[in-house]
């Protein structure tokens, strides 16, 4: 049992390693996992870059605030003169400075208003910026405490697709009121980064994501194309299998959509054509050989009758004629068996398999066998589970069951019982035919399925089956060949109470 489990495990591992579906799943997982891992690494590096850029920008804002603070502290009764010129000197083209004031007696966010800016900013633009500061709760906090000690990275749309990044807010509390120095930058050096926005919105991430997505779609498309083409090949193979000889004019080359698989598709077409031709040649040879042998056998049989009349008083002559007659009958049976063997071989090469109801077929054959076996008073015990369907040819199934029944009948005596049962066993249909004969020696249970092997005791040979000349050991061989070709298994076992049971299992149709 352990060896069987280990064998299943090994086969499962080999299947997983070779499976195209598994490789496709792994590829999808890789395509999903790798971007996430790389994104996390890049975002971590970008956060460090953001911290350095913001620190530099905020230091600049602090320096500007330090330069303006003395002028603001000296203004006790109003706005200092020349304040706009001071802002213009500190702004260097890439830094913008705005100055807000909340007089001492004013309260709330509505008490803040712009008093100066460098460079000059339109009133509408200042209103947008003020709304952003109000929405973020910055002005509310400044209006209460006139203190701010948090880093700032606030993007503000300027219109026409341009942006500005507020990098520092420095409050200066004086006797006149709360002054707020706001610095911002509009250079691409900082706006082109992810400062103040999600990292995935940066241009480099969008470009990388687009390239990666295109590559993933291309690779997955190749896999899916191969997968669909193979499934199309599989569908055509099932169509050919279900239809049998000459069933389909479609070819693998016509079904193929990938130029790289053209040679494979043509090879498949040649293989199918050769198999069909081989099967047809086997059938034709079987027919021709049977016809060629049957004619001289019939002539020999007809010639025996007048000879019997001539040697009616000669015992040795009569004995010789009886032997010739038995040999002729045996030869005739052998020719018929050989023809059947060839036909079975041809059917295995080119048969039509489809989904059939095995329960109905077994029930119908059991009902027909009841009438046939009634003459010998053989009782049939039939137990058939309904709706068991398998993929097979109905003719092949009938041949298999007939051969097993004929074999069981040849070992049965008048009045014996013959049991037929069909049931579900896991994912298989299990058919068992049990007779009441003498059974088979344990070391011969496998040999009875070999070609031309026959093990028949005297009671069977003398029975009504016709004697030894009727059996050449091909019936059970035909059974095994057909069952194996259908993906099943057949074996024989002795019954504890006597007799032989032949069991076969066939996979149920999905």
Protein backbone atom coordinates (compact mmCIF):
# COMPACT_ATOMS: atom_id res chain seq x y z
CA UNK A 1 0.00 0.00 0.00
CA UNK A 2 2.85 2.37 0.87
CA UNK A 3 4.54 1.64 -2.46
CA UNK A 4 1.27 2.35 -4.29
CA UNK A 5 0.86 5.68 -2.47
CA UNK A 6 4.49 6.57 -3.20
CA UNK A 7 3.92 5.75 -6.88
CA UNK A 8 0.86 8.01 -7.02
CA UNK A 9 2.85 10.77 -5.30
CA UNK A 10 5.72 10.46 -7.79
CA UNK A 11 3.35 10.54 -10.74
CA UNK A 12 1.60 13.56 -9.25
CA UNK A 13 4.89 15.42 -8.81
CA UNK A 14 5.98 14.58 -12.36
CA UNK A 15 2.60 15.77 -13.68
CA UNK A 16 2.85 19.06 -11.79
CA UNK A 17 6.40 19.65 -13.03
CA UNK A 18 5.45 18.96 -16.64
CA UNK A 19 1.97 20.48 -16.68
CA UNK A 20 1.53 23.47 -18.97
CA UNK A 21 -1.44 24.60 -16.87
CA UNK A 22 0.71 24.64 -13.73
CA UNK A 23 3.42 26.60 -15.49
CA UNK A 24 0.80 29.11 -16.62
CA UNK A 25 -0.43 29.46 -13.03
CA UNK A 26 3.14 29.92 -11.77
CA UNK A 27 3.75 32.51 -14.49
CA UNK A 28 0.64 34.44 -13.46
CA UNK A 29 1.75 34.33 -9.81
CA UNK A 30 5.21 35.57 -10.80
CA UNK A 31 3.76 38.38 -12.90
CA UNK A 32 1.59 39.38 -9.94
CA UNK A 33 4.23 39.00 -7.22
CA UNK A 34 7.30 40.51 -8.89
CA UNK A 35 5.76 43.98 -9.48
CA UNK A 36 4.54 44.08 -5.88
CA UNK A 37 7.99 43.23 -4.53
CA UNK A 38 9.79 45.67 -6.85
CA UNK A 39 7.19 48.37 -6.12
CA UNK A 40 7.78 48.05 -2.38
CA UNK A 41 11.55 48.34 -2.85
CA UNK A 42 11.25 51.32 -5.17
CA UNK A 43 8.74 53.03 -2.90
CA UNK A 44 11.06 52.62 0.08
CA UNK A 45 13.91 54.19 -1.91
CA UNK A 46 11.57 56.94 -3.11
CA UNK A 47 10.49 57.71 0.44
CA UNK A 48 14.11 58.27 1.37
CA UNK A 49 14.49 60.53 -1.65
CA UNK A 50 11.31 62.40 -0.66
CA UNK A 51 12.59 62.90 2.87
CA UNK A 52 15.86 64.41 1.56
CA UNK A 53 14.07 66.70 -0.93
CA UNK A 54 11.54 67.88 1.61
CA UNK A 55 14.20 68.41 4.23
CA UNK A 56 16.16 70.62 1.82
CA UNK A 57 13.05 72.54 0.77
CA UNK A 58 11.92 72.99 4.35
CA UNK A 59 15.35 74.19 5.43
CA UNK A 60 15.17 76.82 2.70
CA UNK A 61 11.78 77.84 4.04
CA UNK A 62 13.20 78.09 7.56
CA UNK A 63 16.07 80.27 6.33
CA UNK A 64 13.65 82.58 4.55
CA UNK A 65 11.51 82.77 7.68
CA UNK A 66 14.61 83.55 9.76
CA UNK A 67 15.49 86.37 7.41
CA UNK A 68 11.97 87.87 7.56
CA UNK A 69 11.35 87.38 11.28
CA UNK A 70 13.22 90.51 12.51
CA UNK A 71 11.24 92.78 10.16
CA UNK A 72 7.96 91.20 11.24
CA UNK A 73 8.77 91.41 14.96
CA UNK A 74 9.61 95.09 14.60
CA UNK A 75 6.24 95.85 13.05
CA UNK A 76 4.05 96.52 16.07
CA UNK A 77 1.35 98.69 14.50
CA UNK A 78 1.03 97.62 10.85
CA UNK A 79 2.58 96.08 7.79
CA UNK A 80 6.26 97.03 7.51
CA UNK A 81 7.11 99.17 4.44
CA UNK A 82 9.05 97.53 1.63
CA UNK A 83 7.92 94.03 2.65
CA UNK A 84 7.20 93.04 -0.97
CA UNK A 85 10.75 94.01 -1.95
CA UNK A 86 12.13 91.83 0.85
CA UNK A 87 10.13 88.85 -0.41
CA UNK A 88 11.28 89.45 -3.99
CA UNK A 89 14.95 89.41 -2.91
CA UNK A 90 14.49 86.09 -1.07
CA UNK A 91 12.57 84.37 -3.89
CA UNK A 92 15.11 82.99 -6.41
CA UNK A 93 12.87 81.88 -9.26
CA UNK A 94 12.30 78.35 -8.07
CA UNK A 95 10.95 79.30 -4.63
CA UNK A 96 7.72 81.21 -4.16
CA UNK A 97 6.89 83.07 -0.97
CA UNK A 98 3.50 84.16 0.35
CA UNK A 99 2.87 86.08 3.54
CA UNK A 100 -0.38 85.76 5.49
CA UNK A 101 -1.47 87.79 8.48
CA UNK A 102 -4.03 87.31 11.19
CA UNK A 103 -4.32 90.56 13.19
CA UNK A 104 -4.29 90.22 16.94
CA UNK A 105 -7.96 90.98 17.36
CA UNK A 106 -9.14 88.68 14.51
CA UNK A 107 -10.23 85.09 15.23
CA UNK A 108 -10.78 81.91 13.24
CA UNK A 109 -9.66 81.01 9.76
CA UNK A 110 -11.53 83.93 8.25
CA UNK A 111 -9.09 86.29 10.01
CA UNK A 112 -6.20 85.29 7.75
CA UNK A 113 -5.54 87.26 4.60
CA UNK A 114 -2.63 87.57 2.17
CA UNK A 115 -0.52 90.71 2.50
CA UNK A 116 2.35 90.01 0.09
CA UNK A 117 3.69 87.46 -2.41
CA UNK A 118 6.81 87.01 -4.51
CA UNK A 119 6.46 86.59 -7.35
CA UNK A 120 3.02 88.12 -7.62
CA UNK A 121 0.14 85.65 -7.69
CA UNK A 122 -3.37 86.25 -9.09
CA UNK A 123 -6.09 86.63 -6.48
CA UNK A 124 -7.94 83.54 -7.78
CA UNK A 125 -4.80 81.47 -7.31
CA UNK A 126 -4.40 82.70 -3.74
CA UNK A 127 -8.02 81.85 -3.00
CA UNK A 128 -7.44 78.25 -4.18
CA UNK A 129 -4.38 77.96 -1.98
CA UNK A 130 -6.24 79.42 1.01
CA UNK A 131 -9.06 76.88 0.56
CA UNK A 132 -6.51 74.04 0.54
CA UNK A 133 -4.98 75.32 3.80
CA UNK A 134 -8.43 75.62 5.33
CA UNK A 135 -9.43 72.18 4.14
CA UNK A 136 -6.31 70.63 5.67
CA UNK A 137 -7.02 72.30 9.00
CA UNK A 138 -3.74 74.24 8.87
CA UNK A 139 -5.20 77.70 9.18
CA UNK A 140 -7.48 76.61 11.99
CA UNK A 141 -4.50 75.42 14.04
CA UNK A 142 -2.45 78.49 13.23
CA UNK A 143 -5.34 80.76 14.15
CA UNK A 144 -5.48 79.15 17.61
CA UNK A 145 -1.82 78.72 18.53
CA UNK A 146 0.22 80.51 15.84
CA UNK A 147 2.54 77.50 15.91
CA UNK A 148 3.44 74.85 13.34
CA UNK A 149 6.01 72.11 13.64
CA UNK A 150 4.88 69.46 11.13
CA UNK A 151 6.45 68.72 7.70
CA UNK A 152 4.39 69.81 4.72
CA UNK A 153 4.09 68.48 1.17
CA UNK A 154 0.90 69.84 -0.34
CA UNK A 155 0.33 69.88 -4.10
CA UNK A 156 -1.91 72.64 -5.43
CA UNK A 157 -3.20 72.85 -8.99
CA UNK A 158 -2.36 76.16 -10.66
CA UNK A 159 -4.50 75.61 -13.71
CA UNK A 160 -3.62 74.59 -17.27
CA UNK A 161 -2.20 71.35 -15.85
CA UNK A 162 0.59 73.01 -13.81
CA UNK A 163 1.19 72.37 -10.13
CA UNK A 164 2.87 73.92 -7.15
CA UNK A 165 4.18 72.17 -4.02
CA UNK A 166 3.88 73.88 -0.63
CA UNK A 167 6.97 72.81 1.30
CA UNK A 168 7.03 74.88 4.48
CA UNK A 169 4.81 77.01 6.74
CA UNK A 170 6.55 79.11 9.39
CA UNK A 171 4.44 81.15 11.81
CA UNK A 172 5.88 84.26 13.53
CA UNK A 173 3.90 85.57 16.49
CA UNK A 174 4.16 89.32 17.15
CA UNK A 175 2.30 91.98 19.09
CA UNK A 176 0.53 92.97 15.88
CA UNK A 177 -0.71 89.47 15.12
CA UNK A 178 0.22 86.03 13.69
CA UNK A 179 2.36 86.20 10.57
CA UNK A 180 2.56 83.03 8.42
CA UNK A 181 5.37 82.61 5.87
CA UNK A 182 4.44 80.03 3.20
CA UNK A 183 7.09 78.76 0.77
CA UNK A 184 6.46 76.62 -2.29
CA UNK A 185 8.32 75.23 -5.28
CA UNK A 186 7.24 74.68 -8.86
CA UNK A 187 10.42 73.18 -10.30
CA UNK A 188 10.23 69.90 -12.18
CA UNK A 189 13.08 68.59 -10.02
CA UNK A 190 10.67 68.21 -7.13
CA UNK A 191 7.30 68.13 -8.90
CA UNK A 192 8.49 65.21 -11.03
CA UNK A 193 8.89 63.08 -7.90
CA UNK A 194 6.21 61.50 -5.77
CA UNK A 195 6.42 64.19 -3.09
CA UNK A 196 2.90 65.14 -2.10
CA UNK A 197 1.19 62.37 -4.11
CA UNK A 198 0.93 58.56 -4.12
CA UNK A 199 4.04 56.88 -5.51
CA UNK A 200 2.08 55.00 -8.17
CA UNK A 201 1.11 58.35 -9.74
CA UNK A 202 4.70 59.19 -10.67
CA UNK A 203 5.55 59.16 -14.40
CA UNK A 204 8.31 56.54 -14.09
CA UNK A 205 5.99 54.10 -12.32
CA UNK A 206 3.26 54.62 -14.89
CA UNK A 207 5.68 54.05 -17.77
CA UNK A 208 7.20 50.98 -16.09
CA UNK A 209 3.74 49.61 -15.31
CA UNK A 210 2.63 50.10 -18.93
CA UNK A 211 5.71 48.29 -20.28
CA UNK A 212 5.37 45.49 -17.73
CA UNK A 213 1.65 45.10 -18.42
CA UNK A 214 2.29 44.91 -22.17
CA UNK A 215 4.99 42.28 -21.61
CA UNK A 216 2.71 40.28 -19.29
CA UNK A 217 -0.15 40.39 -21.80
CA UNK A 218 2.21 39.29 -24.58
CA UNK A 219 3.66 36.34 -22.61
CA UNK A 220 0.31 35.24 -21.24
CA UNK A 221 -1.17 35.60 -24.71
CA UNK A 222 1.49 33.22 -26.05
CA UNK A 223 0.72 30.69 -23.32
CA UNK A 224 -3.04 31.03 -23.79
CA UNK A 225 -2.64 30.67 -27.56
CA UNK A 226 -0.67 27.45 -27.15
CA UNK A 227 -3.16 26.23 -24.53
CA UNK A 228 -6.18 26.94 -26.76
CA UNK A 229 -4.48 25.31 -29.73
CA UNK A 230 -3.73 22.17 -27.72
CA UNK A 231 -7.33 22.07 -26.47
CA UNK A 232 -8.49 22.43 -30.08
CA UNK A 233 -6.24 19.50 -31.00
CA UNK A 234 -7.68 17.53 -28.08
CA UNK A 235 -11.24 18.29 -29.19
CA UNK A 236 -10.48 17.10 -32.71
CA UNK A 237 -8.83 13.94 -31.35
CA UNK A 238 -11.96 13.19 -29.29
CA UNK A 239 -14.10 13.88 -32.32
CA UNK A 240 -12.06 11.41 -34.37
CA UNK A 241 -12.15 8.89 -31.52
CA UNK A 242 -15.90 9.22 -31.04
CA UNK A 243 -16.71 8.95 -34.72
CA UNK A 244 -14.57 5.93 -35.54
CA UNK A 245 -13.47 4.99 -39.02
CA UNK A 246 -13.85 7.67 -41.66
CA UNK A 247 -15.78 9.81 -39.19
CA UNK A 248 -14.29 13.24 -39.69
CA UNK A 249 -12.76 15.09 -42.62
CA UNK A 250 -11.37 17.80 -40.35
CA UNK A 251 -7.61 17.88 -39.93
CA UNK A 252 -5.24 19.09 -37.26
CA UNK A 253 -3.60 21.41 -39.78
CA UNK A 254 -6.94 23.13 -40.42
CA UNK A 255 -7.58 23.51 -36.68
CA UNK A 256 -4.13 24.96 -35.97
CA UNK A 257 -3.75 28.72 -35.53
CA UNK A 258 -0.04 28.90 -34.62
CA UNK A 259 2.47 28.73 -37.50
CA UNK A 260 5.05 27.14 -35.18
CA UNK A 261 2.75 24.11 -34.72
CA UNK A 262 2.08 23.56 -38.42
CA UNK A 263 4.60 20.72 -38.71
CA UNK A 264 3.20 19.05 -35.58
CA UNK A 265 -0.36 19.33 -36.93
CA UNK A 266 0.67 17.82 -40.27
CA UNK A 267 2.42 14.96 -38.45
CA UNK A 268 -0.77 14.29 -36.50
CA UNK A 269 -2.77 14.24 -39.73
CA UNK A 270 -0.34 11.76 -41.30
CA UNK A 271 -0.46 9.61 -38.18
CA UNK A 272 -4.28 9.49 -38.17
CA UNK A 273 -4.32 8.71 -41.89
CA UNK A 274 -1.80 5.88 -41.49
CA UNK A 275 -3.66 4.43 -38.52
CA UNK A 276 -6.91 4.42 -40.46
CA UNK A 277 -5.20 2.90 -43.46
CA UNK A 278 -3.58 0.24 -41.26
CA UNK A 279 -6.91 -0.60 -39.65
CA UNK A 280 -8.56 -0.89 -43.04
CA UNK A 281 -5.72 -3.11 -44.32
CA UNK A 282 -6.07 -5.37 -41.27
CA UNK A 283 -9.82 -5.71 -41.85
CA UNK A 284 -9.32 -6.39 -45.55
CA UNK A 285 -6.63 -8.99 -44.84
CA UNK A 286 -8.86 -10.68 -42.26
CA UNK A 287 -11.72 -10.82 -44.75
CA UNK A 288 -9.55 -12.07 -47.60
CA UNK A 289 -7.81 -14.72 -45.50
CA UNK A 290 -11.07 -15.98 -44.03
CA UNK A 291 -12.59 -16.23 -47.50
CA UNK A 292 -9.50 -17.99 -48.84
CA UNK A 293 -9.55 -20.62 -46.06
CA UNK A 294 -13.30 -21.11 -45.87
CA UNK A 295 -13.58 -22.36 -49.45
CA UNK A 296 -11.17 -25.34 -49.15
CA UNK A 297 -12.56 -26.14 -45.70
CA UNK A 298 -16.07 -26.29 -47.17
CA UNK A 299 -14.83 -28.56 -49.97
CA UNK A 300 -13.16 -30.90 -47.44
CA UNK A 301 -16.33 -31.02 -45.35
CA UNK A 302 -18.48 -31.82 -48.38
CA UNK A 303 -16.05 -34.52 -49.53
CA UNK A 304 -16.22 -36.36 -46.19
CA UNK A 305 -19.88 -37.34 -46.58
CA UNK A 306 -19.47 -39.62 -49.67
CA UNK A 307 -16.32 -41.12 -48.17
CA UNK A 308 -18.26 -42.15 -45.07
CA UNK A 309 -20.61 -44.21 -47.24
CA UNK A 310 -17.69 -45.96 -48.91
CA UNK A 311 -15.93 -46.97 -45.67
CA UNK A 312 -19.00 -47.58 -43.54
CA UNK A 313 -17.81 -51.11 -42.70
CA UNK A 314 -14.19 -50.13 -42.14
CA UNK A 315 -13.70 -49.06 -38.53
CA UNK A 316 -10.23 -47.65 -39.13
CA UNK A 317 -11.52 -45.71 -42.13
CA UNK A 318 -14.46 -44.34 -40.14
CA UNK A 319 -12.12 -43.36 -37.30
CA UNK A 320 -9.87 -41.55 -39.74
CA UNK A 321 -12.81 -39.72 -41.28
CA UNK A 322 -14.06 -38.67 -37.82
CA UNK A 323 -10.63 -37.30 -37.02
CA UNK A 324 -10.56 -35.44 -40.36
CA UNK A 325 -14.03 -34.05 -39.68
CA UNK A 326 -13.09 -32.87 -36.18
CA UNK A 327 -9.86 -31.36 -37.49
CA UNK A 328 -11.85 -29.60 -40.21
CA UNK A 329 -14.31 -28.22 -37.67
CA UNK A 330 -11.41 -27.11 -35.49
CA UNK A 331 -9.72 -25.46 -38.47
CA UNK A 332 -12.97 -23.71 -39.38
CA UNK A 333 -13.30 -22.42 -35.81
CA UNK A 334 -9.66 -21.35 -35.82
CA UNK A 335 -10.17 -19.36 -39.04
CA UNK A 336 -13.22 -17.64 -37.53
CA UNK A 337 -11.29 -16.89 -34.34
CA UNK A 338 -8.33 -15.52 -36.26
CA UNK A 339 -10.64 -13.28 -38.27
CA UNK A 340 -12.24 -12.03 -35.06
CA UNK A 341 -8.79 -11.40 -33.61
CA UNK A 342 -7.79 -9.28 -36.61
CA UNK A 343 -11.05 -7.35 -36.47
CA UNK A 344 -10.52 -6.63 -32.78
CA UNK A 345 -7.02 -5.37 -33.54
CA UNK A 346 -8.39 -3.11 -36.27
CA UNK A 347 -11.10 -1.79 -33.96
CA UNK A 348 -8.50 -0.96 -31.32
CA UNK A 349 -6.64 1.10 -33.90
CA UNK A 350 -9.68 2.84 -35.37
CA UNK A 351 -12.79 2.60 -33.24
CA UNK A 352 -15.52 5.09 -32.49
CA UNK A 353 -15.76 5.87 -28.79
CA UNK A 354 -18.52 8.02 -27.35
CA UNK A 355 -20.38 8.35 -24.08
CA UNK A 356 -22.64 5.32 -23.69
CA UNK A 357 -24.93 4.07 -20.93
CA UNK A 358 -23.19 0.91 -19.70
CA UNK A 359 -26.09 0.08 -17.38
CA UNK A 360 -28.54 -0.10 -20.28
CA UNK A 361 -26.22 -2.26 -22.39
CA UNK A 362 -25.55 -4.76 -19.55
CA UNK A 363 -29.25 -4.88 -18.70
CA UNK A 364 -30.18 -5.53 -22.32
CA UNK A 365 -27.53 -8.25 -22.75
CA UNK A 366 -28.53 -9.90 -19.47
CA UNK A 367 -32.15 -10.00 -20.61
CA UNK A 368 -31.12 -11.58 -23.93
CA UNK A 369 -28.88 -14.09 -22.13
CA UNK A 370 -31.81 -15.19 -19.94
CA UNK A 371 -33.63 -16.50 -23.00
CA UNK A 372 -30.52 -18.20 -24.41
CA UNK A 373 -29.60 -19.90 -21.11
CA UNK A 374 -33.13 -21.04 -20.36
CA UNK A 375 -32.59 -24.20 -22.44
CA UNK A 376 -29.91 -25.33 -20.01
CA UNK A 377 -31.86 -24.11 -16.98
CA UNK A 378 -28.98 -21.79 -16.01
CA UNK A 379 -30.24 -19.22 -13.55
CA UNK A 380 -29.11 -15.62 -13.98
CA UNK A 381 -28.74 -13.32 -10.96
CA UNK A 382 -28.55 -9.77 -12.36
CA UNK A 383 -27.81 -6.63 -10.32
CA UNK A 384 -27.24 -3.46 -12.35
CA UNK A 385 -26.81 0.04 -10.89
CA UNK A 386 -28.48 2.53 -13.24
CA UNK A 387 -26.99 5.52 -15.08
CA UNK A 388 -23.37 4.36 -15.22
CA UNK A 389 -21.88 5.92 -18.35
CA UNK A 390 -18.47 5.28 -19.91
CA UNK A 391 -16.63 6.41 -23.03
CA UNK A 392 -16.47 3.41 -25.34
CA UNK A 393 -17.84 1.84 -28.48
CA UNK A 394 -21.07 -0.06 -27.93
CA UNK A 395 -19.84 -2.83 -30.26
CA UNK A 396 -16.63 -3.21 -28.23
CA UNK A 397 -18.55 -3.40 -24.93
CA UNK A 398 -20.88 -6.04 -26.36
CA UNK A 399 -17.91 -8.06 -27.61
CA UNK A 400 -16.25 -7.92 -24.19
CA UNK A 401 -19.37 -8.97 -22.27
CA UNK A 402 -20.28 -11.69 -24.77
CA UNK A 403 -16.83 -13.26 -24.50
CA UNK A 404 -16.94 -13.26 -20.70
CA UNK A 405 -20.46 -14.72 -20.69
CA UNK A 406 -19.50 -17.38 -23.25
CA UNK A 407 -16.48 -18.32 -21.18
CA UNK A 408 -18.59 -18.56 -18.01
CA UNK A 409 -21.26 -20.59 -19.80
CA UNK A 410 -18.71 -23.06 -21.14
CA UNK A 411 -17.71 -23.93 -17.57
CA UNK A 412 -21.27 -24.11 -16.24
CA UNK A 413 -23.35 -27.23 -15.93
CA UNK A 414 -27.09 -27.49 -16.41
CA UNK A 415 -28.95 -25.91 -13.49
CA UNK A 416 -25.98 -23.78 -12.34
CA UNK A 417 -26.25 -20.11 -11.42
CA UNK A 418 -24.56 -17.25 -13.27
CA UNK A 419 -24.34 -13.86 -11.52
CA UNK A 420 -23.91 -10.50 -13.28
CA UNK A 421 -23.40 -7.31 -11.26
CA UNK A 422 -22.61 -3.76 -12.29
CA UNK A 423 -21.92 -1.05 -9.71
CA UNK A 424 -20.07 2.21 -9.16
CA UNK A 425 -16.63 1.88 -7.56
CA UNK A 426 -15.13 5.31 -6.95
CA UNK A 427 -14.72 6.93 -10.34
CA UNK A 428 -15.12 3.61 -12.17
CA UNK A 429 -17.85 1.25 -13.24
CA UNK A 430 -17.15 -2.30 -12.01
CA UNK A 431 -18.63 -5.29 -13.84
CA UNK A 432 -18.40 -8.75 -12.27
CA UNK A 433 -19.54 -12.03 -13.90
CA UNK A 434 -19.45 -15.05 -11.59
CA UNK A 435 -19.93 -18.67 -12.66
CA UNK A 436 -20.29 -21.90 -10.65
CA UNK A 437 -17.63 -23.87 -12.50
CA UNK A 438 -14.47 -25.53 -11.20
CA UNK A 439 -12.42 -22.29 -11.07
CA UNK A 440 -8.81 -21.91 -12.17
CA UNK A 441 -5.57 -22.85 -10.47
CA UNK A 442 -4.17 -19.73 -8.68
CA UNK A 443 -0.98 -19.74 -10.76
CA UNK A 444 -3.07 -19.76 -13.98
CA UNK A 445 -5.34 -16.79 -13.17
CA UNK A 446 -3.19 -14.43 -15.24
CA UNK A 447 -2.40 -16.88 -18.03
CA UNK A 448 -6.06 -17.35 -18.99
CA UNK A 449 -5.91 -13.85 -20.52
CA UNK A 450 -3.02 -14.81 -22.80
CA UNK A 451 -3.62 -15.43 -26.49
CA UNK A 452 -4.13 -19.08 -27.48
CA UNK A 453 -4.07 -20.25 -23.86
CA UNK A 454 -6.98 -22.46 -22.79
CA UNK A 455 -7.29 -24.38 -19.52
CA UNK A 456 -10.38 -26.62 -19.67
CA UNK A 457 -11.14 -29.58 -17.41
CA UNK A 458 -12.90 -32.67 -18.70
CA UNK A 459 -16.28 -31.63 -17.39
CA UNK A 460 -16.14 -28.51 -19.54
CA UNK A 461 -14.80 -30.28 -22.59
CA UNK A 462 -17.51 -32.89 -22.45
CA UNK A 463 -20.24 -30.36 -21.89
CA UNK A 464 -22.67 -28.95 -24.40
CA UNK A 465 -20.28 -26.16 -25.38
CA UNK A 466 -18.98 -28.27 -28.18
CA UNK A 467 -15.73 -29.76 -26.90
CA UNK A 468 -12.18 -28.52 -27.02
CA UNK A 469 -12.26 -27.71 -30.69
CA UNK A 470 -14.55 -24.74 -29.91
CA UNK A 471 -12.03 -22.95 -27.72
CA UNK A 472 -8.64 -21.56 -28.72
CA UNK A 473 -7.94 -19.20 -25.84
CA UNK A 474 -8.68 -15.91 -27.61
CA UNK A 475 -11.95 -14.92 -25.91
CA UNK A 476 -10.44 -13.56 -22.70
CA UNK A 477 -7.46 -12.22 -24.61
CA UNK A 478 -9.88 -10.13 -26.69
CA UNK A 479 -11.54 -9.00 -23.45
CA UNK A 480 -8.28 -7.76 -21.94
CA UNK A 481 -7.13 -6.06 -25.16
CA UNK A 482 -10.37 -4.11 -25.46
CA UNK A 483 -10.66 -3.21 -21.79
CA UNK A 484 -7.05 -2.03 -21.66
CA UNK A 485 -7.58 0.09 -24.79
CA UNK A 486 -10.53 1.77 -23.04
CA UNK A 487 -8.34 2.67 -20.07
CA UNK A 488 -9.75 -0.06 -17.82
CA UNK A 489 -8.53 -3.19 -16.09
CA UNK A 490 -9.71 -6.82 -16.03
CA UNK A 491 -8.73 -9.74 -13.82
CA UNK A 492 -10.05 -13.08 -12.58
CA UNK A 493 -10.38 -14.49 -9.08
CA UNK A 494 -11.61 -17.75 -7.61
CA UNK A 495 -14.75 -17.66 -5.48
CA UNK A 496 -14.52 -18.97 -1.90
CA UNK A 497 -17.55 -21.21 -2.56
CA UNK A 498 -16.34 -22.38 -5.97
CA UNK A 499 -16.42 -21.00 -9.45
CA UNK A 500 -14.64 -18.08 -11.11
CA UNK A 501 -15.39 -14.35 -11.12
CA UNK A 502 -14.13 -12.15 -13.93
CA UNK A 503 -14.05 -8.47 -12.91
CA UNK A 504 -13.42 -5.45 -15.07
CA UNK A 505 -13.40 -1.76 -14.26
CA UNK A 506 -13.87 1.08 -16.73
CA UNK A 507 -13.48 4.79 -15.96
CA UNK A 508 -16.79 6.60 -15.79
CA UNK A 509 -17.38 9.34 -18.34
CA UNK A 510 -16.83 12.84 -16.96
